[in-house]
N, C-alpha and C. Protein backbone atom coordinates (compact mmCIF):
# COMPACT_ATOMS: atom_id res chain seq x y z
N ALA A 1 4.28 -4.40 19.91
CA ALA A 1 3.75 -3.76 18.72
C ALA A 1 3.38 -2.31 19.02
N ARG A 2 2.84 -2.03 20.17
CA ARG A 2 2.47 -0.67 20.51
C ARG A 2 3.73 0.22 20.57
N ASP A 3 4.84 -0.35 21.02
CA ASP A 3 6.09 0.41 21.04
C ASP A 3 6.55 0.74 19.63
N TYR A 4 6.37 -0.19 18.72
CA TYR A 4 6.77 0.07 17.32
C TYR A 4 5.89 1.17 16.71
N VAL A 5 4.60 1.14 16.99
CA VAL A 5 3.72 2.14 16.46
C VAL A 5 4.10 3.50 17.06
N ALA A 6 4.46 3.49 18.36
CA ALA A 6 4.89 4.74 19.00
C ALA A 6 6.18 5.25 18.36
N LEU A 7 7.07 4.32 18.02
CA LEU A 7 8.31 4.71 17.34
C LEU A 7 8.00 5.37 15.99
N ALA A 8 7.05 4.78 15.28
CA ALA A 8 6.67 5.38 14.00
C ALA A 8 6.10 6.78 14.19
N ARG A 9 5.49 7.02 15.32
CA ARG A 9 4.92 8.33 15.60
C ARG A 9 6.01 9.33 15.97
N ARG A 10 6.97 8.91 16.80
CA ARG A 10 7.96 9.85 17.36
C ARG A 10 9.28 9.87 16.61
N GLY A 11 9.87 8.71 16.36
CA GLY A 11 11.23 8.67 15.95
C GLY A 11 11.49 8.77 14.46
N LEU A 12 10.61 8.23 13.65
CA LEU A 12 10.89 8.18 12.22
C LEU A 12 10.98 9.52 11.53
N PRO A 13 10.19 10.53 11.95
CA PRO A 13 10.31 11.81 11.22
C PRO A 13 11.69 12.45 11.31
N THR A 14 12.46 12.11 12.30
CA THR A 14 13.76 12.75 12.47
C THR A 14 14.90 11.88 11.97
N GLU A 15 14.64 10.65 11.60
CA GLU A 15 15.68 9.75 11.12
C GLU A 15 16.05 10.12 9.67
N SER A 16 17.38 10.17 9.43
CA SER A 16 17.84 10.55 8.07
C SER A 16 18.19 9.34 7.20
N ASP A 17 18.48 8.19 7.81
CA ASP A 17 18.92 7.02 7.07
C ASP A 17 17.69 6.29 6.50
N ILE A 18 17.53 6.35 5.21
CA ILE A 18 16.35 5.75 4.55
C ILE A 18 16.32 4.25 4.74
N ASN A 19 17.47 3.58 4.79
CA ASN A 19 17.50 2.13 5.00
C ASN A 19 16.96 1.77 6.39
N LEU A 20 17.31 2.57 7.39
CA LEU A 20 16.81 2.33 8.74
C LEU A 20 15.31 2.57 8.78
N ILE A 21 14.84 3.59 8.11
CA ILE A 21 13.40 3.87 8.07
C ILE A 21 12.67 2.69 7.43
N THR A 22 13.16 2.25 6.30
CA THR A 22 12.49 1.13 5.59
C THR A 22 12.49 -0.14 6.43
N ALA A 23 13.59 -0.45 7.08
CA ALA A 23 13.66 -1.63 7.93
C ALA A 23 12.70 -1.49 9.14
N THR A 24 12.64 -0.32 9.72
CA THR A 24 11.75 -0.10 10.87
C THR A 24 10.29 -0.23 10.46
N LEU A 25 9.95 0.29 9.29
CA LEU A 25 8.58 0.16 8.82
C LEU A 25 8.20 -1.31 8.62
N ARG A 26 9.11 -2.11 8.10
CA ARG A 26 8.84 -3.55 7.97
C ARG A 26 8.67 -4.20 9.33
N GLN A 27 9.49 -3.78 10.29
CA GLN A 27 9.36 -4.35 11.64
C GLN A 27 8.03 -3.99 12.28
N VAL A 28 7.58 -2.76 12.09
CA VAL A 28 6.28 -2.36 12.64
C VAL A 28 5.19 -3.20 12.01
N ALA A 29 5.22 -3.34 10.67
CA ALA A 29 4.19 -4.15 10.02
C ALA A 29 4.23 -5.57 10.51
N GLY A 30 5.41 -6.13 10.69
CA GLY A 30 5.54 -7.49 11.20
C GLY A 30 5.04 -7.64 12.62
N ALA A 31 5.34 -6.65 13.46
CA ALA A 31 4.89 -6.67 14.84
C ALA A 31 3.36 -6.64 14.90
N LEU A 32 2.76 -5.82 14.06
CA LEU A 32 1.28 -5.75 14.02
C LEU A 32 0.69 -7.07 13.54
N ALA A 33 1.31 -7.70 12.56
CA ALA A 33 0.77 -8.91 12.00
C ALA A 33 0.99 -10.14 12.88
N PHE A 34 2.13 -10.22 13.55
CA PHE A 34 2.49 -11.47 14.25
C PHE A 34 2.54 -11.41 15.75
N TYR A 35 2.76 -10.22 16.33
CA TYR A 35 3.00 -10.16 17.77
C TYR A 35 1.97 -9.34 18.53
N ALA A 36 1.27 -8.47 17.88
CA ALA A 36 0.32 -7.62 18.61
C ALA A 36 -0.91 -8.41 19.00
N ASP A 37 -1.53 -7.98 20.06
CA ASP A 37 -2.83 -8.53 20.46
C ASP A 37 -3.76 -8.38 19.26
N PRO A 38 -4.32 -9.46 18.76
CA PRO A 38 -5.15 -9.35 17.52
C PRO A 38 -6.29 -8.36 17.64
N SER A 39 -6.95 -8.30 18.80
CA SER A 39 -8.07 -7.37 18.91
C SER A 39 -7.58 -5.93 18.92
N TRP A 40 -6.46 -5.66 19.60
CA TRP A 40 -5.90 -4.31 19.58
C TRP A 40 -5.45 -3.94 18.17
N ALA A 41 -4.81 -4.84 17.49
CA ALA A 41 -4.33 -4.57 16.13
C ALA A 41 -5.53 -4.24 15.23
N ALA A 42 -6.58 -5.05 15.33
CA ALA A 42 -7.75 -4.84 14.47
C ALA A 42 -8.48 -3.55 14.82
N GLU A 43 -8.61 -3.27 16.11
CA GLU A 43 -9.39 -2.10 16.53
C GLU A 43 -8.61 -0.78 16.45
N GLN A 44 -7.33 -0.84 16.64
CA GLN A 44 -6.58 0.42 16.73
C GLN A 44 -5.22 0.40 16.04
N GLY A 45 -4.42 -0.63 16.27
CA GLY A 45 -3.04 -0.62 15.84
C GLY A 45 -2.82 -0.46 14.34
N ARG A 46 -3.53 -1.28 13.56
CA ARG A 46 -3.33 -1.21 12.09
C ARG A 46 -3.76 0.14 11.54
N ALA A 47 -4.90 0.65 12.02
CA ALA A 47 -5.39 1.95 11.55
C ALA A 47 -4.43 3.07 11.97
N ASP A 48 -3.95 3.01 13.20
CA ASP A 48 -2.99 4.04 13.68
C ASP A 48 -1.74 4.05 12.80
N PHE A 49 -1.27 2.85 12.49
CA PHE A 49 -0.06 2.75 11.69
C PHE A 49 -0.29 3.31 10.28
N ALA A 50 -1.36 2.92 9.63
CA ALA A 50 -1.64 3.41 8.28
C ALA A 50 -1.84 4.93 8.29
N ASN A 51 -2.56 5.41 9.31
CA ASN A 51 -2.74 6.88 9.41
C ASN A 51 -1.41 7.58 9.55
N ARG A 52 -0.55 7.01 10.38
CA ARG A 52 0.76 7.67 10.60
C ARG A 52 1.62 7.60 9.35
N LEU A 53 1.54 6.54 8.61
CA LEU A 53 2.32 6.44 7.36
C LEU A 53 1.90 7.57 6.41
N LEU A 54 0.62 7.79 6.29
CA LEU A 54 0.14 8.87 5.40
C LEU A 54 0.57 10.24 5.94
N GLU A 55 0.49 10.41 7.24
CA GLU A 55 0.94 11.69 7.84
C GLU A 55 2.42 11.92 7.56
N LEU A 56 3.23 10.86 7.76
CA LEU A 56 4.67 11.00 7.53
C LEU A 56 4.97 11.30 6.07
N ALA A 57 4.27 10.64 5.17
CA ALA A 57 4.47 10.91 3.75
C ALA A 57 4.15 12.35 3.41
N ARG A 58 3.08 12.86 4.02
CA ARG A 58 2.71 14.25 3.76
C ARG A 58 3.67 15.26 4.39
N GLU A 59 4.28 14.86 5.50
CA GLU A 59 5.21 15.74 6.20
C GLU A 59 6.60 15.71 5.60
N SER A 60 6.90 14.70 4.81
CA SER A 60 8.21 14.52 4.22
C SER A 60 8.46 15.57 3.13
N GLU A 61 9.73 15.78 2.85
CA GLU A 61 10.10 16.69 1.77
C GLU A 61 9.52 16.15 0.46
N ALA A 62 8.96 17.07 -0.33
CA ALA A 62 8.34 16.69 -1.59
C ALA A 62 9.34 15.96 -2.50
N GLY A 63 8.92 14.82 -2.99
CA GLY A 63 9.74 14.05 -3.93
C GLY A 63 10.91 13.31 -3.30
N SER A 64 10.95 13.27 -1.97
CA SER A 64 12.11 12.64 -1.29
C SER A 64 11.94 11.12 -1.20
N ASP A 65 13.07 10.47 -0.94
CA ASP A 65 13.03 9.02 -0.69
C ASP A 65 12.21 8.70 0.53
N HIS A 66 12.19 9.60 1.52
CA HIS A 66 11.36 9.38 2.71
C HIS A 66 9.89 9.34 2.34
N GLN A 67 9.47 10.30 1.54
CA GLN A 67 8.08 10.33 1.12
C GLN A 67 7.72 9.04 0.42
N LEU A 68 8.54 8.59 -0.50
CA LEU A 68 8.30 7.37 -1.22
C LEU A 68 8.27 6.16 -0.28
N ALA A 69 9.17 6.10 0.68
CA ALA A 69 9.20 4.96 1.62
C ALA A 69 7.92 4.87 2.42
N PHE A 70 7.38 6.02 2.85
CA PHE A 70 6.14 5.99 3.62
C PHE A 70 4.95 5.61 2.75
N VAL A 71 4.91 6.05 1.51
CA VAL A 71 3.82 5.68 0.61
C VAL A 71 3.94 4.20 0.27
N ASN A 72 5.14 3.72 0.00
CA ASN A 72 5.34 2.28 -0.25
C ASN A 72 4.82 1.45 0.91
N ALA A 73 5.14 1.85 2.12
CA ALA A 73 4.71 1.12 3.30
C ALA A 73 3.18 1.18 3.42
N LEU A 74 2.60 2.29 3.06
CA LEU A 74 1.15 2.40 3.10
C LEU A 74 0.48 1.39 2.18
N THR A 75 1.08 1.12 1.03
CA THR A 75 0.47 0.17 0.11
C THR A 75 0.45 -1.25 0.65
N THR A 76 1.23 -1.53 1.67
CA THR A 76 1.22 -2.87 2.27
C THR A 76 0.53 -2.91 3.63
N ALA A 77 0.01 -1.77 4.06
CA ALA A 77 -0.65 -1.66 5.36
C ALA A 77 -2.14 -1.98 5.23
N TYR A 78 -2.77 -2.11 6.38
CA TYR A 78 -4.22 -2.25 6.39
C TYR A 78 -4.81 -0.92 5.90
N LEU A 79 -5.71 -1.01 4.95
CA LEU A 79 -6.24 0.21 4.32
C LEU A 79 -7.71 0.40 4.66
N SER A 80 -8.00 1.56 5.24
CA SER A 80 -9.40 1.93 5.47
C SER A 80 -9.91 2.55 4.16
N PRO A 81 -11.23 2.77 4.08
CA PRO A 81 -11.75 3.44 2.87
C PRO A 81 -11.09 4.79 2.61
N TRP A 82 -10.74 5.48 3.67
CA TRP A 82 -10.06 6.79 3.53
C TRP A 82 -8.69 6.64 2.85
N HIS A 83 -7.95 5.59 3.25
CA HIS A 83 -6.64 5.37 2.64
C HIS A 83 -6.80 4.93 1.17
N THR A 84 -7.79 4.10 0.89
CA THR A 84 -7.94 3.66 -0.50
C THR A 84 -8.34 4.83 -1.40
N GLU A 85 -9.10 5.79 -0.84
CA GLU A 85 -9.43 6.97 -1.65
C GLU A 85 -8.17 7.75 -2.03
N VAL A 86 -7.25 7.87 -1.09
CA VAL A 86 -5.99 8.57 -1.37
C VAL A 86 -5.22 7.81 -2.44
N LEU A 87 -5.11 6.48 -2.29
CA LEU A 87 -4.38 5.71 -3.30
C LEU A 87 -5.04 5.78 -4.67
N GLU A 88 -6.37 5.73 -4.70
CA GLU A 88 -7.06 5.85 -6.00
C GLU A 88 -6.76 7.20 -6.65
N GLU A 89 -6.69 8.26 -5.86
CA GLU A 89 -6.34 9.57 -6.40
C GLU A 89 -4.95 9.60 -7.00
N LEU A 90 -4.03 8.86 -6.37
CA LEU A 90 -2.65 8.83 -6.86
C LEU A 90 -2.57 8.19 -8.25
N LEU A 91 -3.51 7.34 -8.58
CA LEU A 91 -3.51 6.71 -9.91
C LEU A 91 -4.00 7.63 -10.98
N GLY A 92 -4.83 8.62 -10.63
CA GLY A 92 -5.45 9.40 -11.67
C GLY A 92 -5.27 10.88 -11.58
N ALA A 93 -4.58 11.38 -10.57
CA ALA A 93 -4.48 12.82 -10.40
C ALA A 93 -3.08 13.19 -9.94
N ASP A 94 -2.84 14.46 -9.88
CA ASP A 94 -1.57 15.00 -9.37
C ASP A 94 -1.49 14.64 -7.90
N PRO A 95 -0.39 14.00 -7.45
CA PRO A 95 -0.27 13.65 -6.05
C PRO A 95 -0.45 14.84 -5.08
N ALA A 96 -0.21 16.05 -5.54
CA ALA A 96 -0.40 17.21 -4.71
C ALA A 96 -1.84 17.34 -4.25
N THR A 97 -2.77 16.83 -5.03
CA THR A 97 -4.20 16.94 -4.67
C THR A 97 -4.54 16.17 -3.39
N VAL A 98 -3.70 15.22 -3.02
CA VAL A 98 -3.91 14.48 -1.77
C VAL A 98 -2.78 14.77 -0.77
N GLY A 99 -2.14 15.91 -0.92
CA GLY A 99 -1.13 16.32 0.04
C GLY A 99 0.22 15.69 -0.14
N LEU A 100 0.52 15.16 -1.32
CA LEU A 100 1.79 14.51 -1.58
C LEU A 100 2.49 15.14 -2.77
N PRO A 101 2.76 16.44 -2.71
CA PRO A 101 3.42 17.09 -3.85
C PRO A 101 4.82 16.51 -4.05
N GLY A 102 5.20 16.40 -5.30
CA GLY A 102 6.52 15.91 -5.63
C GLY A 102 6.62 14.39 -5.74
N LEU A 103 5.63 13.66 -5.26
CA LEU A 103 5.67 12.20 -5.36
C LEU A 103 5.56 11.80 -6.82
N THR A 104 6.46 10.95 -7.25
CA THR A 104 6.40 10.43 -8.61
C THR A 104 5.78 9.05 -8.58
N VAL A 105 4.66 8.90 -9.25
CA VAL A 105 3.99 7.63 -9.33
C VAL A 105 4.51 6.93 -10.61
N ASP A 106 5.66 6.26 -10.43
CA ASP A 106 6.24 5.53 -11.55
C ASP A 106 5.56 4.15 -11.71
N THR A 107 6.05 3.38 -12.63
CA THR A 107 5.42 2.08 -12.91
C THR A 107 5.41 1.17 -11.68
N ASP A 108 6.52 1.11 -10.95
CA ASP A 108 6.58 0.25 -9.76
C ASP A 108 5.57 0.67 -8.69
N LEU A 109 5.55 1.97 -8.40
CA LEU A 109 4.63 2.45 -7.36
C LEU A 109 3.18 2.27 -7.85
N ARG A 110 2.96 2.52 -9.13
CA ARG A 110 1.59 2.33 -9.67
C ARG A 110 1.11 0.90 -9.44
N TRP A 111 1.99 -0.07 -9.73
CA TRP A 111 1.58 -1.48 -9.50
C TRP A 111 1.37 -1.77 -8.02
N ARG A 112 2.20 -1.22 -7.16
CA ARG A 112 1.97 -1.44 -5.71
C ARG A 112 0.62 -0.88 -5.28
N ILE A 113 0.26 0.26 -5.85
CA ILE A 113 -1.04 0.85 -5.52
C ILE A 113 -2.17 -0.01 -6.07
N VAL A 114 -2.06 -0.46 -7.31
CA VAL A 114 -3.10 -1.30 -7.90
C VAL A 114 -3.26 -2.58 -7.08
N GLN A 115 -2.15 -3.19 -6.67
CA GLN A 115 -2.24 -4.41 -5.89
C GLN A 115 -2.86 -4.16 -4.54
N ALA A 116 -2.53 -3.04 -3.91
CA ALA A 116 -3.14 -2.69 -2.62
C ALA A 116 -4.63 -2.50 -2.77
N LEU A 117 -5.05 -1.77 -3.80
CA LEU A 117 -6.48 -1.57 -4.03
C LEU A 117 -7.19 -2.87 -4.35
N ALA A 118 -6.55 -3.75 -5.09
CA ALA A 118 -7.14 -5.05 -5.41
C ALA A 118 -7.33 -5.87 -4.12
N ALA A 119 -6.30 -5.90 -3.30
CA ALA A 119 -6.37 -6.65 -2.04
C ALA A 119 -7.42 -6.10 -1.09
N ALA A 120 -7.65 -4.79 -1.17
CA ALA A 120 -8.65 -4.13 -0.32
C ALA A 120 -10.05 -4.28 -0.90
N GLY A 121 -10.19 -4.92 -2.05
CA GLY A 121 -11.48 -5.09 -2.66
C GLY A 121 -12.04 -3.84 -3.33
N GLU A 122 -11.14 -2.93 -3.69
CA GLU A 122 -11.59 -1.67 -4.27
C GLU A 122 -11.55 -1.63 -5.80
N VAL A 123 -10.87 -2.53 -6.42
CA VAL A 123 -10.88 -2.61 -7.89
C VAL A 123 -11.20 -4.03 -8.31
N ASP A 124 -11.96 -4.16 -9.37
CA ASP A 124 -12.33 -5.46 -9.93
C ASP A 124 -12.88 -6.38 -8.84
N ALA A 125 -13.83 -5.82 -8.07
CA ALA A 125 -14.36 -6.55 -6.92
C ALA A 125 -15.58 -7.40 -7.26
N GLU A 126 -16.06 -7.32 -8.49
CA GLU A 126 -17.23 -8.07 -8.89
C GLU A 126 -16.81 -9.23 -9.80
N GLY A 127 -17.05 -10.43 -9.38
CA GLY A 127 -16.77 -11.59 -10.18
C GLY A 127 -15.26 -11.81 -10.39
N VAL A 128 -14.96 -12.63 -11.38
CA VAL A 128 -13.56 -12.98 -11.64
C VAL A 128 -12.95 -12.12 -12.72
N GLU A 129 -13.72 -11.38 -13.47
CA GLU A 129 -13.22 -10.50 -14.50
C GLU A 129 -12.39 -9.37 -13.85
N SER A 130 -11.40 -8.86 -14.60
CA SER A 130 -10.54 -7.86 -14.03
C SER A 130 -10.25 -6.74 -15.05
N PRO A 131 -11.26 -5.98 -15.44
CA PRO A 131 -11.05 -4.96 -16.46
C PRO A 131 -10.13 -3.83 -16.03
N PHE A 132 -10.17 -3.43 -14.76
CA PHE A 132 -9.27 -2.39 -14.28
C PHE A 132 -7.83 -2.85 -14.35
N ILE A 133 -7.58 -4.03 -13.82
CA ILE A 133 -6.22 -4.57 -13.79
C ILE A 133 -5.75 -4.84 -15.25
N ASP A 134 -6.65 -5.33 -16.09
CA ASP A 134 -6.31 -5.55 -17.48
C ASP A 134 -5.87 -4.28 -18.15
N ALA A 135 -6.56 -3.19 -17.85
CA ALA A 135 -6.18 -1.87 -18.43
C ALA A 135 -4.81 -1.45 -17.94
N GLU A 136 -4.50 -1.71 -16.68
CA GLU A 136 -3.16 -1.41 -16.16
C GLU A 136 -2.11 -2.25 -16.86
N ALA A 137 -2.43 -3.50 -17.12
CA ALA A 137 -1.48 -4.38 -17.84
C ALA A 137 -1.22 -3.87 -19.24
N GLU A 138 -2.24 -3.28 -19.87
CA GLU A 138 -2.03 -2.69 -21.20
C GLU A 138 -1.14 -1.47 -21.13
N ARG A 139 -1.17 -0.74 -20.01
CA ARG A 139 -0.27 0.40 -19.82
C ARG A 139 1.19 -0.02 -19.68
N ASP A 140 1.37 -1.25 -19.16
CA ASP A 140 2.71 -1.77 -18.95
C ASP A 140 2.81 -3.16 -19.63
N PRO A 141 3.00 -3.17 -20.93
CA PRO A 141 2.99 -4.45 -21.67
C PRO A 141 4.31 -5.21 -21.61
N THR A 142 4.98 -5.18 -20.48
CA THR A 142 6.25 -5.88 -20.29
C THR A 142 5.98 -7.20 -19.58
N ALA A 143 6.99 -8.06 -19.52
CA ALA A 143 6.88 -9.29 -18.76
C ALA A 143 6.66 -8.98 -17.29
N ALA A 144 7.34 -7.95 -16.78
CA ALA A 144 7.15 -7.53 -15.37
C ALA A 144 5.71 -7.06 -15.18
N GLY A 145 5.20 -6.33 -16.13
CA GLY A 145 3.79 -5.87 -16.04
C GLY A 145 2.82 -7.06 -15.98
N ALA A 146 3.08 -8.08 -16.76
CA ALA A 146 2.21 -9.26 -16.73
C ALA A 146 2.25 -9.94 -15.37
N ARG A 147 3.46 -10.02 -14.78
CA ARG A 147 3.60 -10.61 -13.43
C ARG A 147 2.89 -9.78 -12.40
N GLN A 148 3.03 -8.45 -12.50
CA GLN A 148 2.37 -7.57 -11.53
C GLN A 148 0.86 -7.64 -11.66
N ALA A 149 0.37 -7.72 -12.90
CA ALA A 149 -1.07 -7.83 -13.10
C ALA A 149 -1.59 -9.17 -12.52
N ALA A 150 -0.84 -10.24 -12.71
CA ALA A 150 -1.26 -11.52 -12.15
C ALA A 150 -1.30 -11.45 -10.63
N ALA A 151 -0.33 -10.80 -10.02
CA ALA A 151 -0.32 -10.64 -8.58
C ALA A 151 -1.51 -9.82 -8.12
N ALA A 152 -1.86 -8.76 -8.85
CA ALA A 152 -2.98 -7.93 -8.51
C ALA A 152 -4.29 -8.71 -8.61
N ARG A 153 -4.43 -9.48 -9.68
CA ARG A 153 -5.63 -10.29 -9.85
C ARG A 153 -5.77 -11.28 -8.69
N ALA A 154 -4.67 -11.91 -8.34
CA ALA A 154 -4.69 -12.92 -7.26
C ALA A 154 -4.93 -12.28 -5.90
N ALA A 155 -4.62 -11.03 -5.73
CA ALA A 155 -4.76 -10.38 -4.43
C ALA A 155 -6.20 -10.06 -4.08
N ARG A 156 -7.07 -10.09 -5.07
CA ARG A 156 -8.48 -9.76 -4.82
C ARG A 156 -9.08 -10.77 -3.85
N PRO A 157 -9.97 -10.29 -2.94
CA PRO A 157 -10.45 -11.15 -1.86
C PRO A 157 -11.61 -12.09 -2.22
N GLN A 158 -12.20 -12.01 -3.42
CA GLN A 158 -13.35 -12.81 -3.74
C GLN A 158 -12.99 -14.30 -3.76
N GLU A 159 -13.90 -15.09 -3.22
CA GLU A 159 -13.67 -16.54 -3.16
C GLU A 159 -13.52 -17.14 -4.57
N ALA A 160 -14.31 -16.67 -5.51
CA ALA A 160 -14.22 -17.21 -6.86
C ALA A 160 -12.88 -16.88 -7.51
N VAL A 161 -12.32 -15.73 -7.15
CA VAL A 161 -11.00 -15.36 -7.67
C VAL A 161 -9.95 -16.30 -7.06
N LYS A 162 -10.05 -16.53 -5.77
CA LYS A 162 -9.05 -17.39 -5.12
C LYS A 162 -9.12 -18.81 -5.73
N GLU A 163 -10.33 -19.30 -5.98
CA GLU A 163 -10.48 -20.63 -6.61
C GLU A 163 -9.85 -20.66 -8.00
N GLN A 164 -10.10 -19.61 -8.77
CA GLN A 164 -9.53 -19.54 -10.12
C GLN A 164 -8.00 -19.47 -10.07
N VAL A 165 -7.46 -18.70 -9.15
CA VAL A 165 -6.01 -18.62 -9.01
C VAL A 165 -5.45 -19.98 -8.62
N TRP A 166 -6.10 -20.65 -7.68
CA TRP A 166 -5.65 -21.96 -7.25
C TRP A 166 -5.62 -22.94 -8.41
N GLN A 167 -6.67 -22.92 -9.23
CA GLN A 167 -6.74 -23.83 -10.37
C GLN A 167 -5.63 -23.50 -11.39
N THR A 168 -5.34 -22.20 -11.55
CA THR A 168 -4.29 -21.80 -12.47
C THR A 168 -2.92 -22.28 -11.98
N VAL A 169 -2.70 -22.13 -10.69
CA VAL A 169 -1.42 -22.54 -10.12
C VAL A 169 -1.29 -24.04 -10.20
């Protein structure tokens, strides 16, 4: 896992093939989740990876597929409060304000961000009600939006939410 994190630090900025970048990012995330020493991953590895993803997104060409790939990977990474602040800004402000000029926060990316924030306990973290996620569902009144909203609601870490989701399923 440490080798993968090192690869993310050294090799990815120079790689031009977006498919290879995306596959490598998934491998790094998998290595951290399944193969890394759990204490190292918790203390250093996951934070290093998320920090590097944000760095790479900021270093990428504005509006590029590379920039989007790094932000997408960040939404599935372990998020510190600093990372969640950046993601929250992406929902309500110009991405340039957080060093990501040119990034387009389309409906798909917006849902990935909402789900990441929900899983991190940053939105709708009190009780089982979900007013923030409900408002996002109103922004996207499609069947896909309803599925994304359900996934975001279920991603929240509260025990009462998990019980409610289980009963629904």
